[in-house]
Amino acid sequence: MCSGRVDPLFVLEAFKNGADAVMVGGCKLGECKYMDGNFQALIMAEMVKNLLRLIGIKEERFTLEWVSSAEPAKLVEDMKKFMLKVKELGPLGSAEGLSEGDLNFYLDSAIAVCKNMQVRTTYGNIAKELKKLQDFSEETIKQRVEEKLLPQLRGRLYEIEVKTLIQDGPKSLDYLVSKTKASVDELNPILSKLMKT
């Protein structure tokens, strides 16, 4: 499968299914037989890293490596380096100071964000926009994701987390802030919206 076909959902589900880290390998930039598939993977990687940061998982647990099919030794070396880094990080969750329950809560929330149609549409639109511009520079990708996607990721994530947290009854604002890692200003519109429904 082309690295450009790797959905952010696949990465988050790998973590949910017990992976301590995820490595996506793709053809070297400019060598994709699908023209810009590996450039699309750069957008996916930026979205994944932002989601991991938002839910308190070290972004070093995810990596994107470029290797030619004629370079098996490089692939082996990349994998060895990544495995050493993962060993240093330790098991997923405990190394981040998250209980198993909290880890599952955050991963479930991030997976729900990845399934959200508005988020997916924005993600796809960024890819189309950059393809049209023919600008897949790291700087441009980060800028577009930060401007257009990150606000949606934050908003959807916090909304999903709040809905989950209040399922079994009301919670204090302090509790919601501590669990979601959102600010009061970010939570107020979500709580107002939920009170109206």
C-alpha atoms as a PDB file:
ATOM      1  CA  MET A   1       0.000   0.000   0.000  1.00  0.00           C
ATOM      2  CA  CYS A   2       1.225   3.491  -0.801  1.00  0.00           C
ATOM      3  CA  SER A   3       2.151   5.533   2.276  1.00  0.00           C
ATOM      4  CA  GLY A   4      -0.312   8.132   0.980  1.00  0.00           C
ATOM      5  CA  ARG A   5      -3.122   5.642   1.629  1.00  0.00           C
ATOM      6  CA  VAL A   6      -2.303   5.341   5.327  1.00  0.00           C
ATOM      7  CA  ASP A   7      -5.197   6.943   7.146  1.00  0.00           C
ATOM      8  CA  PRO A   8      -4.584   8.710  10.492  1.00  0.00           C
ATOM      9  CA  LEU A   9      -7.235   6.347  11.843  1.00  0.00           C
ATOM     10  CA  PHE A  10      -4.961   3.346  11.130  1.00  0.00           C
ATOM     11  CA  VAL A  11      -2.219   4.822  13.297  1.00  0.00           C
ATOM     12  CA  LEU A  12      -4.509   5.639  16.237  1.00  0.00           C
ATOM     13  CA  GLU A  13      -6.153   2.207  16.034  1.00  0.00           C
ATOM     14  CA  ALA A  14      -2.714   0.567  16.126  1.00  0.00           C
ATOM     15  CA  PHE A  15      -2.037   2.355  19.420  1.00  0.00           C
ATOM     16  CA  LYS A  16      -5.486   1.373  20.697  1.00  0.00           C
ATOM     17  CA  ASN A  17      -4.730  -2.255  19.821  1.00  0.00           C
ATOM     18  CA  GLY A  18      -1.593  -2.272  21.948  1.00  0.00           C
ATOM     19  CA  ALA A  19       1.250  -0.960  19.780  1.00  0.00           C
ATOM     20  CA  ASP A  20       3.811   1.027  21.768  1.00  0.00           C
ATOM     21  CA  ALA A  21       4.849   2.847  18.593  1.00  0.00           C
ATOM     22  CA  VAL A  22       4.021   3.058  14.886  1.00  0.00           C
ATOM     23  CA  MET A  23       6.400   3.410  11.971  1.00  0.00           C
ATOM     24  CA  VAL A  24       5.119   4.127   8.457  1.00  0.00           C
ATOM     25  CA  GLY A  25       7.579   3.520   5.645  1.00  0.00           C
ATOM     26  CA  GLY A  26       7.224   4.961   2.186  1.00  0.00           C
ATOM     27  CA  CYS A  27       9.062   5.499  -1.049  1.00  0.00           C
ATOM     28  CA  LYS A  28      11.500   8.385  -1.045  1.00  0.00           C
ATOM     29  CA  LEU A  29       9.966  11.762  -1.733  1.00  0.00           C
ATOM     30  CA  GLY A  30       9.735  12.307  -5.470  1.00  0.00           C
ATOM     31  CA  GLU A  31       9.885   8.565  -6.213  1.00  0.00           C
ATOM     32  CA  CYS A  32       6.240   7.629  -5.632  1.00  0.00           C
ATOM     33  CA  LYS A  33       4.737   5.700  -8.548  1.00  0.00           C
ATOM     34  CA  TYR A  34       1.433   7.403  -7.685  1.00  0.00           C
ATOM     35  CA  MET A  35       3.132  10.794  -8.144  1.00  0.00           C
ATOM     36  CA  ASP A  36       2.406  12.462  -4.805  1.00  0.00           C
ATOM     37  CA  GLY A  37       1.315   9.651  -2.485  1.00  0.00           C
ATOM     38  CA  ASN A  38       4.226  10.064  -0.115  1.00  0.00           C
ATOM     39  CA  PHE A  39       3.632  13.812   0.004  1.00  0.00           C
ATOM     40  CA  GLN A  40       0.065  13.019   1.110  1.00  0.00           C
ATOM     41  CA  ALA A  41       1.616  10.904   3.879  1.00  0.00           C
ATOM     42  CA  LEU A  42       3.359  14.033   5.181  1.00  0.00           C
ATOM     43  CA  ILE A  43      -0.061  15.606   5.808  1.00  0.00           C
ATOM     44  CA  MET A  44      -1.243  12.438   7.573  1.00  0.00           C
ATOM     45  CA  ALA A  45       1.866  12.462   9.764  1.00  0.00           C
ATOM     46  CA  GLU A  46       1.330  16.085  10.780  1.00  0.00           C
ATOM     47  CA  MET A  47      -2.281  15.338  11.751  1.00  0.00           C
ATOM     48  CA  VAL A  48      -1.240  12.273  13.772  1.00  0.00           C
ATOM     49  CA  LYS A  49       1.490  14.168  15.616  1.00  0.00           C
ATOM     50  CA  ASN A  50      -0.944  16.940  16.531  1.00  0.00           C
ATOM     51  CA  LEU A  51      -3.497  14.443  17.831  1.00  0.00           C
ATOM     52  CA  LEU A  52      -0.869  12.600  19.868  1.00  0.00           C
ATOM     53  CA  ARG A  53       0.255  15.874  21.461  1.00  0.00           C
ATOM     54  CA  LEU A  54      -3.355  16.798  22.248  1.00  0.00           C
ATOM     55  CA  ILE A  55      -4.038  13.506  24.044  1.00  0.00           C
ATOM     56  CA  GLY A  56      -0.753  13.473  25.946  1.00  0.00           C
ATOM     57  CA  ILE A  57       1.087  10.754  24.039  1.00  0.00           C
ATOM     58  CA  LYS A  58       4.692  11.403  23.064  1.00  0.00           C
ATOM     59  CA  GLU A  59       4.800  12.130  19.350  1.00  0.00           C
ATOM     60  CA  GLU A  60       8.140  10.279  19.133  1.00  0.00           C
ATOM     61  CA  ARG A  61       6.057   7.095  19.240  1.00  0.00           C
ATOM     62  CA  PHE A  62       5.154   7.754  15.600  1.00  0.00           C
ATOM     63  CA  THR A  63       7.580   8.099  12.731  1.00  0.00           C
ATOM     64  CA  LEU A  64       7.536   8.323   8.969  1.00  0.00           C
ATOM     65  CA  GLU A  65      10.583   6.976   7.148  1.00  0.00           C
ATOM     66  CA  TRP A  66      11.511   7.160   3.474  1.00  0.00           C
ATOM     67  CA  VAL A  67      13.342   4.249   1.912  1.00  0.00           C
ATOM     68  CA  SER A  68      13.799   2.893  -1.597  1.00  0.00           C
ATOM     69  CA  SER A  69      12.933  -0.743  -2.337  1.00  0.00           C
ATOM     70  CA  ALA A  70      16.603  -1.075  -3.368  1.00  0.00           C
ATOM     71  CA  GLU A  71      17.738  -0.155   0.178  1.00  0.00           C
ATOM     72  CA  PRO A  72      16.813  -3.049   2.490  1.00  0.00           C
ATOM     73  CA  ALA A  73      19.790  -2.268   4.736  1.00  0.00           C
ATOM     74  CA  LYS A  74      18.512   1.286   5.297  1.00  0.00           C
ATOM     75  CA  LEU A  75      15.067  -0.036   6.219  1.00  0.00           C
ATOM     76  CA  VAL A  76      16.592  -2.434   8.743  1.00  0.00           C
ATOM     77  CA  GLU A  77      18.724   0.382  10.194  1.00  0.00           C
ATOM     78  CA  ASP A  78      15.716   2.724  10.404  1.00  0.00           C
ATOM     79  CA  MET A  79      13.736   0.037  12.212  1.00  0.00           C
ATOM     80  CA  LYS A  80      16.572  -0.684  14.655  1.00  0.00           C
ATOM     81  CA  LYS A  81      16.936   3.020  15.511  1.00  0.00           C
ATOM     82  CA  PHE A  82      13.210   3.361  16.017  1.00  0.00           C
ATOM     83  CA  MET A  83      13.046   0.264  18.223  1.00  0.00           C
ATOM     84  CA  LEU A  84      15.833   1.650  20.419  1.00  0.00           C
ATOM     85  CA  LYS A  85      13.920   4.922  20.751  1.00  0.00           C
ATOM     86  CA  VAL A  86      10.730   3.021  21.657  1.00  0.00           C
ATOM     87  CA  LYS A  87      12.592   1.021  24.313  1.00  0.00           C
ATOM     88  CA  GLU A  88      13.828   4.305  25.804  1.00  0.00           C
ATOM     89  CA  LEU A  89      10.274   5.666  25.837  1.00  0.00           C
ATOM     90  CA  GLY A  90       8.901   2.576  27.581  1.00  0.00           C
ATOM     91  CA  PRO A  91       5.403   1.133  27.368  1.00  0.00           C
ATOM     92  CA  LEU A  92       2.638   3.262  25.907  1.00  0.00           C
ATOM     93  CA  GLY A  93       0.682   5.064  28.591  1.00  0.00           C
ATOM     94  CA  SER A  94       2.793   4.286  31.627  1.00  0.00           C
ATOM     95  CA  ALA A  95       5.707   6.272  30.181  1.00  0.00           C
ATOM     96  CA  GLU A  96       3.313   9.203  29.725  1.00  0.00           C
ATOM     97  CA  GLY A  97       1.954   8.848  33.250  1.00  0.00           C
ATOM     98  CA  LEU A  98      -1.456   7.663  32.024  1.00  0.00           C
ATOM     99  CA  SER A  99      -3.463   4.917  33.660  1.00  0.00           C
ATOM    100  CA  GLU A 100      -4.875   2.234  31.376  1.00  0.00           C
ATOM    101  CA  GLY A 101      -8.321   3.797  31.744  1.00  0.00           C
ATOM    102  CA  ASP A 102      -7.085   7.271  30.829  1.00  0.00           C
ATOM    103  CA  LEU A 103      -5.063   5.931  27.898  1.00  0.00           C
ATOM    104  CA  ASN A 104      -8.144   4.172  26.514  1.00  0.00           C
ATOM    105  CA  PHE A 105     -10.259   7.277  27.077  1.00  0.00           C
ATOM    106  CA  TYR A 106      -7.836   9.498  25.140  1.00  0.00           C
ATOM    107  CA  LEU A 107      -7.272   6.988  22.332  1.00  0.00           C
ATOM    108  CA  ASP A 108     -11.015   6.368  21.928  1.00  0.00           C
ATOM    109  CA  SER A 109     -11.565  10.121  21.733  1.00  0.00           C
ATOM    110  CA  ALA A 110      -8.796  10.580  19.136  1.00  0.00           C
ATOM    111  CA  ILE A 111     -10.189   7.698  17.055  1.00  0.00           C
ATOM    112  CA  ALA A 112     -13.622   9.348  17.121  1.00  0.00           C
ATOM    113  CA  VAL A 113     -12.011  12.590  15.923  1.00  0.00           C
ATOM    114  CA  CYS A 114     -10.389  10.717  13.014  1.00  0.00           C
ATOM    115  CA  LYS A 115     -13.832   9.393  12.021  1.00  0.00           C
ATOM    116  CA  ASN A 116     -15.513  12.813  12.152  1.00  0.00           C
ATOM    117  CA  MET A 117     -16.623  13.847   8.658  1.00  0.00           C
ATOM    118  CA  GLN A 118     -15.850  17.555   9.112  1.00  0.00           C
ATOM    119  CA  VAL A 119     -12.301  16.719  10.213  1.00  0.00           C
ATOM    120  CA  ARG A 120     -11.896  14.257   7.345  1.00  0.00           C
ATOM    121  CA  THR A 121     -13.182  16.820   4.854  1.00  0.00           C
ATOM    122  CA  THR A 122     -10.755  19.483   6.091  1.00  0.00           C
ATOM    123  CA  TYR A 123      -7.916  16.936   6.000  1.00  0.00           C
ATOM    124  CA  GLY A 124      -8.795  16.033   2.399  1.00  0.00           C
ATOM    125  CA  ASN A 125      -9.154  19.679   1.388  1.00  0.00           C
ATOM    126  CA  ILE A 126      -5.670  20.468   2.694  1.00  0.00           C
ATOM    127  CA  ALA A 127      -4.278  17.626   0.582  1.00  0.00           C
ATOM    128  CA  LYS A 128      -6.128  18.893  -2.509  1.00  0.00           C
ATOM    129  CA  GLU A 129      -5.008  22.474  -1.894  1.00  0.00           C
ATOM    130  CA  LEU A 130      -1.340  21.509  -1.547  1.00  0.00           C
ATOM    131  CA  LYS A 131      -1.528  19.263  -4.593  1.00  0.00           C
ATOM    132  CA  LYS A 132      -2.956  22.152  -6.608  1.00  0.00           C
ATOM    133  CA  LEU A 133      -0.205  24.463  -5.322  1.00  0.00           C
ATOM    134  CA  GLN A 134       2.416  21.731  -5.828  1.00  0.00           C
ATOM    135  CA  ASP A 135       3.829  22.783  -2.475  1.00  0.00           C
ATOM    136  CA  PHE A 136       4.387  19.928  -0.062  1.00  0.00           C
ATOM    137  CA  SER A 137       7.153  21.603   1.888  1.00  0.00           C
ATOM    138  CA  GLU A 138       7.272  20.763   5.586  1.00  0.00           C
ATOM    139  CA  GLU A 139       6.723  24.423   6.454  1.00  0.00           C
ATOM    140  CA  THR A 140       3.606  24.738   4.262  1.00  0.00           C
ATOM    141  CA  ILE A 141       2.122  21.484   5.543  1.00  0.00           C
ATOM    142  CA  LYS A 142       2.633  22.511   9.173  1.00  0.00           C
ATOM    143  CA  GLN A 143       1.168  25.955   8.470  1.00  0.00           C
ATOM    144  CA  ARG A 144      -1.963  24.590   6.738  1.00  0.00           C
ATOM    145  CA  VAL A 145      -2.542  21.936   9.394  1.00  0.00           C
ATOM    146  CA  GLU A 146      -2.071  24.490  12.181  1.00  0.00           C
ATOM    147  CA  GLU A 147      -4.371  27.051  10.531  1.00  0.00           C
ATOM    148  CA  LYS A 148      -7.120  24.835   9.183  1.00  0.00           C
ATOM    149  CA  LEU A 149      -7.053  21.457  10.885  1.00  0.00           C
ATOM    150  CA  LEU A 150      -5.697  21.958  14.398  1.00  0.00           C
ATOM    151  CA  PRO A 151      -8.612  24.153  15.558  1.00  0.00           C
ATOM    152  CA  GLN A 152     -11.028  21.460  14.374  1.00  0.00           C
ATOM    153  CA  LEU A 153      -8.993  18.678  15.996  1.00  0.00           C
ATOM    154  CA  ARG A 154      -9.012  20.544  19.309  1.00  0.00           C
ATOM    155  CA  GLY A 155     -12.691  21.449  19.167  1.00  0.00           C
ATOM    156  CA  ARG A 156     -13.890  17.982  18.171  1.00  0.00           C
ATOM    157  CA  LEU A 157     -11.576  16.223  20.602  1.00  0.00           C
ATOM    158  CA  TYR A 158     -12.685  18.330  23.557  1.00  0.00           C
ATOM    159  CA  GLU A 159     -16.347  17.988  22.607  1.00  0.00           C
ATOM    160  CA  ILE A 160     -16.053  14.198  22.361  1.00  0.00           C
ATOM    161  CA  GLU A 161     -14.159  14.015  25.650  1.00  0.00           C
ATOM    162  CA  VAL A 162     -16.682  16.204  27.482  1.00  0.00           C
ATOM    163  CA  LYS A 163     -19.624  14.180  26.144  1.00  0.00           C
ATOM    164  CA  THR A 164     -17.957  10.986  27.318  1.00  0.00           C
ATOM    165  CA  LEU A 165     -17.101  12.399  30.734  1.00  0.00           C
ATOM    166  CA  ILE A 166     -20.614  13.679  31.479  1.00  0.00           C
ATOM    167  CA  GLN A 167     -22.427  10.544  30.289  1.00  0.00           C
ATOM    168  CA  ASP A 168     -22.867   9.305  33.844  1.00  0.00           C
ATOM    169  CA  GLY A 169     -23.731  12.686  35.329  1.00  0.00           C
ATOM    170  CA  PRO A 170     -22.583  16.290  35.755  1.00  0.00           C
ATOM    171  CA  LYS A 171     -18.945  17.066  36.433  1.00  0.00           C
ATOM    172  CA  SER A 172     -17.247  20.175  37.757  1.00  0.00           C
ATOM    173  CA  LEU A 173     -15.535  22.522  35.338  1.00  0.00           C
ATOM    174  CA  ASP A 174     -12.222  21.922  37.151  1.00  0.00           C
ATOM    175  CA  TYR A 175     -12.588  18.181  36.597  1.00  0.00           C
ATOM    176  CA  LEU A 176     -13.373  18.654  32.892  1.00  0.00           C
ATOM    177  CA  VAL A 177     -10.403  20.989  32.454  1.00  0.00           C
ATOM    178  CA  SER A 178      -8.033  18.531  34.146  1.00  0.00           C
ATOM    179  CA  LYS A 179      -9.271  15.525  32.142  1.00  0.00           C
ATOM    180  CA  THR A 180      -9.489  17.191  28.736  1.00  0.00           C
ATOM    181  CA  LYS A 181      -6.399  19.388  29.117  1.00  0.00           C
ATOM    182  CA  ALA A 182      -8.473  22.170  27.534  1.00  0.00           C
ATOM    183  CA  SER A 183      -8.745  25.703  28.843  1.00  0.00           C
ATOM    184  CA  VAL A 184     -11.923  27.075  30.408  1.00  0.00           C
ATOM    185  CA  ASP A 185     -12.300  29.335  27.346  1.00  0.00           C
ATOM    186  CA  GLU A 186     -12.175  26.283  25.064  1.00  0.00           C
ATOM    187  CA  LEU A 187     -14.691  24.339  27.148  1.00  0.00           C
ATOM    188  CA  ASN A 188     -17.270  27.103  27.702  1.00  0.00           C
ATOM    189  CA  PRO A 189     -18.677  27.064  24.120  1.00  0.00           C
ATOM    190  CA  ILE A 190     -18.825  23.268  24.186  1.00  0.00           C
ATOM    191  CA  LEU A 191     -20.700  23.248  27.498  1.00  0.00           C
ATOM    192  CA  SER A 192     -23.074  25.982  26.276  1.00  0.00           C
ATOM    193  CA  LYS A 193     -23.811  23.980  23.143  1.00  0.00           C
ATOM    194  CA  LEU A 194     -24.430  20.803  25.141  1.00  0.00           C
ATOM    195  CA  MET A 195     -26.756  22.606  27.541  1.00  0.00           C
ATOM    196  CA  LYS A 196     -28.923  23.723  24.600  1.00  0.00           C
ATOM    197  CA  THR A 197     -29.328  20.168  23.275  1.00  0.00           C
END
